[in-house]
Amino acid sequence: MTPPTADLALVFAAERSRLERLIRRIIGDAHAAEDLVQEAFLKVSRAAAATVVDDQRGYLVQTARNLALDHRRRLAAMRPAEDSDAAFRGLADAAPTPETVVADRQALAAAMTALGRLPPRTRRAFEMHRLDGRTMADIAAELGVSVSLVCKLVHEAYTAVRDELLRAGLLPGRPEKSPD
């Protein structure tokens, strides 16, 4: 019976160039890739001496990959931070444009109009769901109705808001015909 390290040496010899290419793709440095392949072999040979490793090739490839990823993380952590002024100059202004502010206010007014037309129970179910983040079951328990009715009420509210936004021309799509 051959010792496990002898088998591992054969696997290593057969896979060495493939491992170097794999690591080089991950870290982008040929010299460091050679070092990491050696480190992977040493690590796997120590493990093989202590325990039985069924798939030495797979274990070697995974160890090499993990070492490369760790190496890449260490390098990224050691890089100096970019010039903070340059980084901030590249950021977009988070403030909305005046046009966006006007459009958002119009949409809010249309939504409030739609909600104002709803029956109180429908509006309350919608508010509890959308604004309070409550579950349908919680809402059903509080209102004393079934969960399916709560789903229907919330759906009706969403539909009413959507239809009002369409009528106001604030959503893409065809405007609904106004009820005459």
N, C-alpha and C. Protein backbone atom coordinates (compact mmCIF):
# COMPACT_ATOMS: atom_id res chain seq x y z
N MET A 1 0.85 -1.19 0.00
CA MET A 1 0.00 0.00 0.00
C MET A 1 0.89 1.24 0.00
N THR A 2 0.59 2.18 -0.90
CA THR A 2 1.38 3.41 -0.98
C THR A 2 0.88 4.40 0.05
N PRO A 3 1.80 5.16 0.63
CA PRO A 3 1.37 6.16 1.59
C PRO A 3 0.53 7.24 0.90
N PRO A 4 -0.41 7.87 1.66
CA PRO A 4 -1.29 8.86 1.04
C PRO A 4 -0.56 10.04 0.44
N THR A 5 0.59 10.40 1.03
CA THR A 5 1.33 11.54 0.49
C THR A 5 1.95 11.22 -0.86
N ALA A 6 2.28 9.93 -1.11
CA ALA A 6 2.83 9.55 -2.42
C ALA A 6 1.76 9.71 -3.49
N ASP A 7 0.54 9.25 -3.19
CA ASP A 7 -0.56 9.43 -4.13
C ASP A 7 -0.83 10.91 -4.36
N LEU A 8 -0.77 11.66 -3.30
CA LEU A 8 -1.01 13.09 -3.39
C LEU A 8 0.05 13.77 -4.25
N ALA A 9 1.29 13.32 -4.14
CA ALA A 9 2.36 13.89 -4.96
C ALA A 9 2.09 13.65 -6.44
N LEU A 10 1.57 12.48 -6.76
CA LEU A 10 1.22 12.20 -8.16
C LEU A 10 0.08 13.09 -8.63
N VAL A 11 -0.92 13.24 -7.80
CA VAL A 11 -2.06 14.13 -8.13
C VAL A 11 -1.56 15.56 -8.30
N PHE A 12 -0.70 15.98 -7.39
CA PHE A 12 -0.16 17.34 -7.45
C PHE A 12 0.62 17.57 -8.74
N ALA A 13 1.46 16.60 -9.10
CA ALA A 13 2.25 16.73 -10.33
C ALA A 13 1.35 16.83 -11.55
N ALA A 14 0.26 16.08 -11.55
CA ALA A 14 -0.65 16.10 -12.69
C ALA A 14 -1.48 17.38 -12.75
N GLU A 15 -1.79 17.97 -11.60
CA GLU A 15 -2.70 19.11 -11.53
C GLU A 15 -2.01 20.46 -11.34
N ARG A 16 -0.72 20.48 -11.17
CA ARG A 16 -0.02 21.71 -10.80
C ARG A 16 -0.28 22.86 -11.77
N SER A 17 -0.12 22.65 -13.05
CA SER A 17 -0.29 23.76 -14.01
C SER A 17 -1.74 24.23 -14.03
N ARG A 18 -2.67 23.29 -13.90
CA ARG A 18 -4.09 23.68 -13.86
C ARG A 18 -4.38 24.53 -12.63
N LEU A 19 -3.81 24.14 -11.49
CA LEU A 19 -4.01 24.90 -10.25
C LEU A 19 -3.42 26.30 -10.38
N GLU A 20 -2.24 26.40 -10.98
CA GLU A 20 -1.62 27.72 -11.17
C GLU A 20 -2.50 28.62 -12.04
N ARG A 21 -3.07 28.05 -13.10
CA ARG A 21 -3.96 28.85 -13.96
C ARG A 21 -5.20 29.30 -13.20
N LEU A 22 -5.78 28.38 -12.42
CA LEU A 22 -6.96 28.71 -11.62
C LEU A 22 -6.66 29.86 -10.66
N ILE A 23 -5.58 29.74 -9.93
CA ILE A 23 -5.23 30.77 -8.95
C ILE A 23 -4.88 32.07 -9.65
N ARG A 24 -4.16 32.00 -10.76
CA ARG A 24 -3.80 33.22 -11.50
C ARG A 24 -5.04 33.97 -11.96
N ARG A 25 -6.08 33.22 -12.39
CA ARG A 25 -7.33 33.87 -12.79
C ARG A 25 -7.98 34.58 -11.62
N ILE A 26 -7.87 34.03 -10.44
CA ILE A 26 -8.52 34.60 -9.26
C ILE A 26 -7.75 35.82 -8.76
N ILE A 27 -6.41 35.72 -8.68
CA ILE A 27 -5.65 36.81 -8.06
C ILE A 27 -4.89 37.69 -9.05
N GLY A 28 -4.69 37.19 -10.29
CA GLY A 28 -4.03 38.01 -11.30
C GLY A 28 -2.54 38.18 -11.12
N ASP A 29 -1.88 37.29 -10.39
CA ASP A 29 -0.44 37.40 -10.14
C ASP A 29 0.19 36.02 -10.28
N ALA A 30 1.03 35.84 -11.31
CA ALA A 30 1.61 34.53 -11.60
C ALA A 30 2.57 34.07 -10.50
N HIS A 31 3.37 34.99 -9.96
CA HIS A 31 4.33 34.60 -8.93
C HIS A 31 3.62 34.19 -7.64
N ALA A 32 2.64 34.94 -7.25
CA ALA A 32 1.88 34.58 -6.05
C ALA A 32 1.10 33.29 -6.27
N ALA A 33 0.68 33.05 -7.51
CA ALA A 33 -0.05 31.81 -7.81
C ALA A 33 0.84 30.60 -7.56
N GLU A 34 2.11 30.69 -7.95
CA GLU A 34 3.04 29.58 -7.71
C GLU A 34 3.17 29.31 -6.22
N ASP A 35 3.31 30.36 -5.43
CA ASP A 35 3.43 30.21 -3.99
C ASP A 35 2.18 29.59 -3.38
N LEU A 36 1.02 30.02 -3.85
CA LEU A 36 -0.23 29.51 -3.30
C LEU A 36 -0.46 28.05 -3.69
N VAL A 37 0.01 27.63 -4.85
CA VAL A 37 -0.10 26.22 -5.24
C VAL A 37 0.76 25.37 -4.29
N GLN A 38 1.96 25.85 -4.00
CA GLN A 38 2.81 25.13 -3.05
C GLN A 38 2.17 25.06 -1.67
N GLU A 39 1.60 26.18 -1.24
CA GLU A 39 0.95 26.23 0.06
C GLU A 39 -0.25 25.27 0.11
N ALA A 40 -1.00 25.19 -0.98
CA ALA A 40 -2.14 24.28 -1.05
C ALA A 40 -1.66 22.83 -0.93
N PHE A 41 -0.57 22.50 -1.64
CA PHE A 41 -0.04 21.14 -1.55
C PHE A 41 0.38 20.81 -0.13
N LEU A 42 1.07 21.73 0.53
CA LEU A 42 1.52 21.48 1.91
C LEU A 42 0.34 21.31 2.85
N LYS A 43 -0.65 22.13 2.67
CA LYS A 43 -1.83 22.07 3.54
C LYS A 43 -2.57 20.75 3.35
N VAL A 44 -2.75 20.33 2.11
CA VAL A 44 -3.46 19.09 1.83
C VAL A 44 -2.62 17.89 2.27
N SER A 45 -1.31 17.94 2.11
CA SER A 45 -0.47 16.81 2.53
C SER A 45 -0.50 16.66 4.04
N ARG A 46 -0.54 17.78 4.78
CA ARG A 46 -0.68 17.69 6.24
C ARG A 46 -2.01 17.06 6.62
N ALA A 47 -3.06 17.47 5.93
CA ALA A 47 -4.39 16.93 6.22
C ALA A 47 -4.46 15.45 5.85
N ALA A 48 -3.84 15.08 4.75
CA ALA A 48 -3.87 13.67 4.30
C ALA A 48 -3.09 12.78 5.25
N ALA A 49 -2.07 13.32 5.89
CA ALA A 49 -1.29 12.54 6.85
C ALA A 49 -2.10 12.30 8.12
N ALA A 50 -3.00 13.23 8.46
CA ALA A 50 -3.77 13.13 9.69
C ALA A 50 -5.08 12.37 9.51
N THR A 51 -5.71 12.49 8.35
CA THR A 51 -7.00 11.85 8.11
C THR A 51 -7.01 11.22 6.73
N VAL A 52 -8.06 10.47 6.45
CA VAL A 52 -8.23 9.87 5.12
C VAL A 52 -8.96 10.87 4.24
N VAL A 53 -8.36 11.20 3.12
CA VAL A 53 -8.97 12.11 2.15
C VAL A 53 -9.35 11.27 0.94
N ASP A 54 -10.65 11.13 0.70
CA ASP A 54 -11.11 10.27 -0.40
C ASP A 54 -10.80 10.87 -1.77
N ASP A 55 -11.10 12.14 -1.95
CA ASP A 55 -10.90 12.80 -3.25
C ASP A 55 -9.77 13.80 -3.12
N GLN A 56 -8.55 13.34 -3.27
CA GLN A 56 -7.40 14.20 -3.08
C GLN A 56 -7.35 15.32 -4.12
N ARG A 57 -7.71 15.00 -5.35
CA ARG A 57 -7.71 16.02 -6.40
C ARG A 57 -8.71 17.13 -6.08
N GLY A 58 -9.93 16.75 -5.74
CA GLY A 58 -10.96 17.75 -5.41
C GLY A 58 -10.58 18.56 -4.18
N TYR A 59 -10.00 17.88 -3.18
CA TYR A 59 -9.59 18.57 -1.97
C TYR A 59 -8.47 19.56 -2.28
N LEU A 60 -7.55 19.17 -3.14
CA LEU A 60 -6.44 20.04 -3.52
C LEU A 60 -6.95 21.26 -4.29
N VAL A 61 -7.85 21.04 -5.24
CA VAL A 61 -8.39 22.14 -6.04
C VAL A 61 -9.16 23.12 -5.13
N GLN A 62 -9.99 22.59 -4.25
CA GLN A 62 -10.79 23.46 -3.37
C GLN A 62 -9.89 24.22 -2.40
N THR A 63 -8.86 23.57 -1.89
CA THR A 63 -7.92 24.25 -0.99
C THR A 63 -7.20 25.36 -1.72
N ALA A 64 -6.74 25.09 -2.93
CA ALA A 64 -6.05 26.12 -3.72
C ALA A 64 -6.98 27.29 -4.01
N ARG A 65 -8.20 26.99 -4.35
CA ARG A 65 -9.19 28.05 -4.64
C ARG A 65 -9.44 28.90 -3.39
N ASN A 66 -9.62 28.26 -2.26
CA ASN A 66 -9.86 28.99 -1.01
C ASN A 66 -8.67 29.87 -0.64
N LEU A 67 -7.46 29.34 -0.81
CA LEU A 67 -6.27 30.14 -0.53
C LEU A 67 -6.19 31.36 -1.44
N ALA A 68 -6.54 31.17 -2.71
CA ALA A 68 -6.52 32.29 -3.66
C ALA A 68 -7.54 33.36 -3.28
N LEU A 69 -8.73 32.92 -2.91
CA LEU A 69 -9.76 33.88 -2.50
C LEU A 69 -9.35 34.63 -1.23
N ASP A 70 -8.76 33.91 -0.28
CA ASP A 70 -8.28 34.57 0.95
C ASP A 70 -7.19 35.58 0.62
N HIS A 71 -6.29 35.20 -0.29
CA HIS A 71 -5.21 36.10 -0.71
C HIS A 71 -5.79 37.38 -1.34
N ARG A 72 -6.77 37.19 -2.21
CA ARG A 72 -7.40 38.35 -2.87
C ARG A 72 -8.08 39.26 -1.85
N ARG A 73 -8.76 38.67 -0.85
CA ARG A 73 -9.40 39.48 0.19
C ARG A 73 -8.37 40.26 1.01
N ARG A 74 -7.26 39.59 1.34
CA ARG A 74 -6.22 40.29 2.11
C ARG A 74 -5.66 41.47 1.32
N LEU A 75 -5.42 41.26 0.03
CA LEU A 75 -4.90 42.35 -0.79
C LEU A 75 -5.88 43.51 -0.86
N ALA A 76 -7.16 43.20 -1.01
CA ALA A 76 -8.17 44.25 -1.09
C ALA A 76 -8.25 45.03 0.22
N ALA A 77 -8.08 44.36 1.33
CA ALA A 77 -8.14 45.03 2.63
C ALA A 77 -6.92 45.90 2.87
N MET A 78 -5.79 45.55 2.26
CA MET A 78 -4.56 46.31 2.49
C MET A 78 -4.42 47.52 1.56
N ARG A 79 -5.21 47.58 0.49
CA ARG A 79 -5.10 48.71 -0.43
C ARG A 79 -5.46 50.00 0.27
N PRO A 80 -4.72 51.05 0.00
CA PRO A 80 -5.09 52.34 0.61
C PRO A 80 -6.41 52.83 0.05
N ALA A 81 -7.16 53.50 0.89
CA ALA A 81 -8.45 54.04 0.46
C ALA A 81 -8.23 55.09 -0.62
N GLU A 82 -9.17 55.17 -1.52
CA GLU A 82 -9.07 56.19 -2.57
C GLU A 82 -9.15 57.57 -1.96
N ASP A 83 -8.71 58.55 -2.71
CA ASP A 83 -8.82 59.93 -2.28
C ASP A 83 -10.30 60.22 -2.01
N SER A 84 -10.61 60.57 -0.79
CA SER A 84 -12.02 60.73 -0.41
C SER A 84 -12.69 61.86 -1.18
N ASP A 85 -11.97 62.93 -1.47
CA ASP A 85 -12.58 64.02 -2.23
C ASP A 85 -12.94 63.56 -3.63
N ALA A 86 -12.07 62.79 -4.25
CA ALA A 86 -12.35 62.29 -5.60
C ALA A 86 -13.55 61.37 -5.58
N ALA A 87 -13.65 60.56 -4.55
CA ALA A 87 -14.78 59.64 -4.46
C ALA A 87 -16.09 60.41 -4.31
N PHE A 88 -16.09 61.45 -3.49
CA PHE A 88 -17.30 62.23 -3.29
C PHE A 88 -17.68 63.04 -4.52
N ARG A 89 -16.70 63.51 -5.26
CA ARG A 89 -17.01 64.27 -6.47
C ARG A 89 -17.72 63.41 -7.50
N GLY A 90 -17.45 62.10 -7.47
CA GLY A 90 -18.06 61.21 -8.44
C GLY A 90 -19.47 60.79 -8.09
N LEU A 91 -19.91 61.08 -6.88
CA LEU A 91 -21.25 60.69 -6.47
C LEU A 91 -22.30 61.61 -7.07
N ALA A 92 -23.42 61.03 -7.42
CA ALA A 92 -24.53 61.83 -7.95
C ALA A 92 -25.25 62.50 -6.78
N ASP A 93 -25.87 63.62 -7.07
CA ASP A 93 -26.65 64.33 -6.06
C ASP A 93 -27.91 63.51 -5.78
N ALA A 94 -28.13 63.20 -4.52
CA ALA A 94 -29.28 62.38 -4.14
C ALA A 94 -30.58 63.17 -4.09
N ALA A 95 -30.49 64.49 -4.13
CA ALA A 95 -31.71 65.31 -4.06
C ALA A 95 -32.50 65.16 -5.36
N PRO A 96 -33.82 65.03 -5.24
CA PRO A 96 -34.62 64.90 -6.46
C PRO A 96 -34.67 66.22 -7.22
N THR A 97 -34.90 66.11 -8.51
CA THR A 97 -35.02 67.31 -9.34
C THR A 97 -36.36 67.99 -9.03
N PRO A 98 -36.51 69.25 -9.35
CA PRO A 98 -37.80 69.93 -9.13
C PRO A 98 -38.95 69.23 -9.85
N GLU A 99 -38.68 68.69 -11.03
CA GLU A 99 -39.72 67.99 -11.77
C GLU A 99 -40.17 66.73 -11.03
N THR A 100 -39.21 66.03 -10.45
CA THR A 100 -39.53 64.83 -9.69
C THR A 100 -40.36 65.17 -8.46
N VAL A 101 -40.02 66.26 -7.80
CA VAL A 101 -40.77 66.70 -6.61
C VAL A 101 -42.22 66.99 -6.98
N VAL A 102 -42.40 67.71 -8.08
CA VAL A 102 -43.77 68.05 -8.52
C VAL A 102 -44.54 66.78 -8.88
N ALA A 103 -43.92 65.90 -9.64
CA ALA A 103 -44.58 64.66 -10.05
C ALA A 103 -44.94 63.80 -8.84
N ASP A 104 -44.03 63.72 -7.87
CA ASP A 104 -44.31 62.93 -6.66
C ASP A 104 -45.45 63.54 -5.85
N ARG A 105 -45.50 64.86 -5.77
CA ARG A 105 -46.59 65.51 -5.04
C ARG A 105 -47.93 65.28 -5.74
N GLN A 106 -47.92 65.33 -7.08
CA GLN A 106 -49.16 65.06 -7.82
C GLN A 106 -49.62 63.62 -7.61
N ALA A 107 -48.68 62.69 -7.62
CA ALA A 107 -49.02 61.28 -7.42
C ALA A 107 -49.55 61.06 -6.01
N LEU A 108 -48.95 61.70 -5.03
CA LEU A 108 -49.43 61.58 -3.65
C LEU A 108 -50.84 62.14 -3.52
N ALA A 109 -51.09 63.29 -4.14
CA ALA A 109 -52.43 63.89 -4.08
C ALA A 109 -53.46 62.97 -4.74
N ALA A 110 -53.11 62.36 -5.87
CA ALA A 110 -54.03 61.45 -6.54
C ALA A 110 -54.28 60.21 -5.69
N ALA A 111 -53.23 59.68 -5.05
CA ALA A 111 -53.40 58.51 -4.19
C ALA A 111 -54.28 58.85 -2.99
N MET A 112 -54.09 60.02 -2.42
CA MET A 112 -54.90 60.44 -1.27
C MET A 112 -56.36 60.62 -1.68
N THR A 113 -56.58 61.14 -2.88
CA THR A 113 -57.95 61.28 -3.39
C THR A 113 -58.61 59.92 -3.52
N ALA A 114 -57.87 58.96 -4.10
CA ALA A 114 -58.41 57.62 -4.29
C ALA A 114 -58.71 56.98 -2.93
N LEU A 115 -57.81 57.12 -1.98
CA LEU A 115 -58.03 56.53 -0.66
C LEU A 115 -59.18 57.21 0.08
N GLY A 116 -59.36 58.50 -0.16
CA GLY A 116 -60.46 59.22 0.47
C GLY A 116 -61.82 58.76 -0.01
N ARG A 117 -61.89 58.20 -1.20
CA ARG A 117 -63.16 57.73 -1.77
C ARG A 117 -63.52 56.31 -1.31
N LEU A 118 -62.57 55.62 -0.70
CA LEU A 118 -62.80 54.23 -0.30
C LEU A 118 -63.68 54.15 0.94
N PRO A 119 -64.40 53.04 1.08
CA PRO A 119 -65.13 52.81 2.33
C PRO A 119 -64.13 52.74 3.49
N PRO A 120 -64.53 53.15 4.68
CA PRO A 120 -63.59 53.20 5.82
C PRO A 120 -62.87 51.88 6.09
N ARG A 121 -63.58 50.75 6.03
CA ARG A 121 -62.94 49.46 6.32
C ARG A 121 -61.88 49.12 5.28
N THR A 122 -62.15 49.42 4.02
CA THR A 122 -61.19 49.16 2.95
C THR A 122 -59.96 50.03 3.14
N ARG A 123 -60.18 51.31 3.41
CA ARG A 123 -59.06 52.23 3.62
C ARG A 123 -58.24 51.80 4.82
N ARG A 124 -58.90 51.40 5.91
CA ARG A 124 -58.19 50.99 7.12
C ARG A 124 -57.36 49.73 6.87
N ALA A 125 -57.92 48.76 6.16
CA ALA A 125 -57.17 47.54 5.85
C ALA A 125 -55.93 47.87 5.01
N PHE A 126 -56.09 48.77 4.05
CA PHE A 126 -54.97 49.18 3.21
C PHE A 126 -53.90 49.88 4.04
N GLU A 127 -54.30 50.80 4.88
CA GLU A 127 -53.35 51.55 5.71
C GLU A 127 -52.60 50.61 6.66
N MET A 128 -53.33 49.68 7.25
CA MET A 128 -52.68 48.75 8.17
C MET A 128 -51.66 47.88 7.43
N HIS A 129 -52.00 47.49 6.21
CA HIS A 129 -51.11 46.64 5.43
C HIS A 129 -49.93 47.45 4.88
N ARG A 130 -50.24 48.52 4.20
CA ARG A 130 -49.20 49.27 3.48
C ARG A 130 -48.37 50.17 4.39
N LEU A 131 -49.01 50.87 5.29
CA LEU A 131 -48.30 51.84 6.11
C LEU A 131 -47.75 51.23 7.40
N ASP A 132 -48.52 50.34 8.01
CA ASP A 132 -48.09 49.75 9.27
C ASP A 132 -47.30 48.46 9.07
N GLY A 133 -47.37 47.89 7.86
CA GLY A 133 -46.63 46.67 7.56
C GLY A 133 -47.21 45.44 8.24
N ARG A 134 -48.48 45.46 8.54
CA ARG A 134 -49.12 44.35 9.25
C ARG A 134 -49.43 43.23 8.27
N THR A 135 -49.53 42.03 8.79
CA THR A 135 -49.86 40.88 7.95
C THR A 135 -51.37 40.83 7.74
N MET A 136 -51.77 40.10 6.73
CA MET A 136 -53.19 39.96 6.44
C MET A 136 -53.92 39.30 7.62
N ALA A 137 -53.26 38.34 8.25
CA ALA A 137 -53.88 37.65 9.39
C ALA A 137 -54.08 38.61 10.56
N ASP A 138 -53.09 39.47 10.83
CA ASP A 138 -53.24 40.47 11.91
C ASP A 138 -54.39 41.42 11.62
N ILE A 139 -54.47 41.86 10.38
CA ILE A 139 -55.53 42.80 10.00
C ILE A 139 -56.89 42.13 10.13
N ALA A 140 -56.98 40.88 9.68
CA ALA A 140 -58.24 40.14 9.76
C ALA A 140 -58.68 40.01 11.21
N ALA A 141 -57.75 39.71 12.09
CA ALA A 141 -58.08 39.55 13.51
C ALA A 141 -58.57 40.87 14.10
N GLU A 142 -57.90 41.96 13.75
CA GLU A 142 -58.30 43.26 14.31
C GLU A 142 -59.64 43.73 13.76
N LEU A 143 -59.87 43.50 12.47
CA LEU A 143 -61.13 43.95 11.88
C LEU A 143 -62.27 42.95 12.08
N GLY A 144 -61.95 41.75 12.53
CA GLY A 144 -62.97 40.74 12.75
C GLY A 144 -63.55 40.18 11.47
N VAL A 145 -62.70 40.02 10.46
CA VAL A 145 -63.13 39.46 9.18
C VAL A 145 -62.16 38.36 8.78
N SER A 146 -62.45 37.69 7.67
CA SER A 146 -61.56 36.61 7.21
C SER A 146 -60.34 37.19 6.51
N VAL A 147 -59.31 36.37 6.43
CA VAL A 147 -58.08 36.78 5.74
C VAL A 147 -58.36 37.01 4.27
N SER A 148 -59.21 36.19 3.66
CA SER A 148 -59.51 36.37 2.24
C SER A 148 -60.24 37.69 1.99
N LEU A 149 -61.08 38.11 2.93
CA LEU A 149 -61.74 39.41 2.77
C LEU A 149 -60.73 40.53 2.89
N VAL A 150 -59.78 40.40 3.80
CA VAL A 150 -58.74 41.43 3.94
C VAL A 150 -57.95 41.52 2.64
N CYS A 151 -57.61 40.38 2.05
CA CYS A 151 -56.88 40.39 0.77
C CYS A 151 -57.70 41.12 -0.30
N LYS A 152 -58.98 40.86 -0.32
CA LYS A 152 -59.85 41.52 -1.29
C LYS A 152 -59.90 43.02 -1.04
N LEU A 153 -60.01 43.44 0.22
CA LEU A 153 -60.08 44.87 0.55
C LEU A 153 -58.78 45.58 0.15
N VAL A 154 -57.66 44.98 0.48
CA VAL A 154 -56.36 45.58 0.14
C VAL A 154 -56.20 45.65 -1.37
N HIS A 155 -56.61 44.61 -2.07
CA HIS A 155 -56.54 44.62 -3.53
C HIS A 155 -57.41 45.72 -4.11
N GLU A 156 -58.60 45.90 -3.57
CA GLU A 156 -59.49 46.97 -4.04
C GLU A 156 -58.84 48.33 -3.85
N ALA A 157 -58.16 48.53 -2.73
CA ALA A 157 -57.50 49.82 -2.46
C ALA A 157 -56.36 50.05 -3.46
N TYR A 158 -55.55 49.03 -3.68
CA TYR A 158 -54.46 49.17 -4.66
C TYR A 158 -55.02 49.49 -6.04
N THR A 159 -56.08 48.82 -6.41
CA THR A 159 -56.71 49.05 -7.71
C THR A 159 -57.23 50.47 -7.81
N ALA A 160 -57.86 50.96 -6.75
CA ALA A 160 -58.39 52.32 -6.75
C ALA A 160 -57.27 53.35 -6.91
N VAL A 161 -56.17 53.13 -6.20
CA VAL A 161 -55.03 54.07 -6.30
C VAL A 161 -54.45 54.01 -7.70
N ARG A 162 -54.26 52.80 -8.24
CA ARG A 162 -53.73 52.67 -9.60
C ARG A 162 -54.63 53.36 -10.62
N ASP A 163 -55.93 53.12 -10.51
CA ASP A 163 -56.86 53.73 -11.47
C ASP A 163 -56.82 55.25 -11.39
N GLU A 164 -56.72 55.80 -10.19
CA GLU A 164 -56.65 57.26 -10.03
C GLU A 164 -55.36 57.81 -10.63
N LEU A 165 -54.26 57.10 -10.43
CA LEU A 165 -52.99 57.54 -11.02
C LEU A 165 -53.04 57.47 -12.55
N LEU A 166 -53.70 56.45 -13.07
CA LEU A 166 -53.86 56.35 -14.53
C LEU A 166 -54.72 57.50 -15.05
N ARG A 167 -55.85 57.77 -14.35
CA ARG A 167 -56.74 58.87 -14.77
C ARG A 167 -56.01 60.20 -14.78
N ALA A 168 -55.12 60.39 -13.79
CA ALA A 168 -54.38 61.65 -13.69
C ALA A 168 -53.20 61.69 -14.66
N GLY A 169 -52.97 60.59 -15.38
CA GLY A 169 -51.85 60.56 -16.33
C GLY A 169 -50.50 60.45 -15.64
N LEU A 170 -50.48 59.92 -14.42
CA LEU A 170 -49.24 59.83 -13.65
C LEU A 170 -48.59 58.45 -13.69
N LEU A 171 -49.24 57.53 -14.38
CA LEU A 171 -48.67 56.19 -14.60
C LEU A 171 -48.67 55.92 -16.09
N PRO A 172 -47.66 55.22 -16.57
CA PRO A 172 -47.70 54.86 -17.98
C PRO A 172 -48.83 53.86 -18.21
N GLY A 173 -49.42 53.95 -19.33
CA GLY A 173 -50.54 53.08 -19.65
C GLY A 173 -51.70 53.91 -20.15
N ARG A 174 -52.77 53.24 -20.46
CA ARG A 174 -53.95 53.94 -20.95
C ARG A 174 -54.75 54.51 -19.79
N PRO A 175 -55.15 55.74 -19.90
CA PRO A 175 -56.02 56.28 -18.85
C PRO A 175 -57.36 55.57 -18.88
N GLU A 176 -57.90 55.34 -17.71
CA GLU A 176 -59.21 54.71 -17.59
C GLU A 176 -60.27 55.70 -18.07
N LYS A 177 -61.35 55.16 -18.57
CA LYS A 177 -62.47 56.03 -18.95
C LYS A 177 -63.10 56.53 -17.67
N SER A 178 -63.35 57.80 -17.63
CA SER A 178 -63.97 58.35 -16.43
C SER A 178 -65.42 57.92 -16.36
N PRO A 179 -65.89 57.54 -15.15
CA PRO A 179 -67.28 57.09 -15.03
C PRO A 179 -68.22 58.27 -15.25
N ASP A 180 -69.12 58.12 -16.17
CA ASP A 180 -70.07 59.21 -16.47
C ASP A 180 -71.40 58.95 -15.84
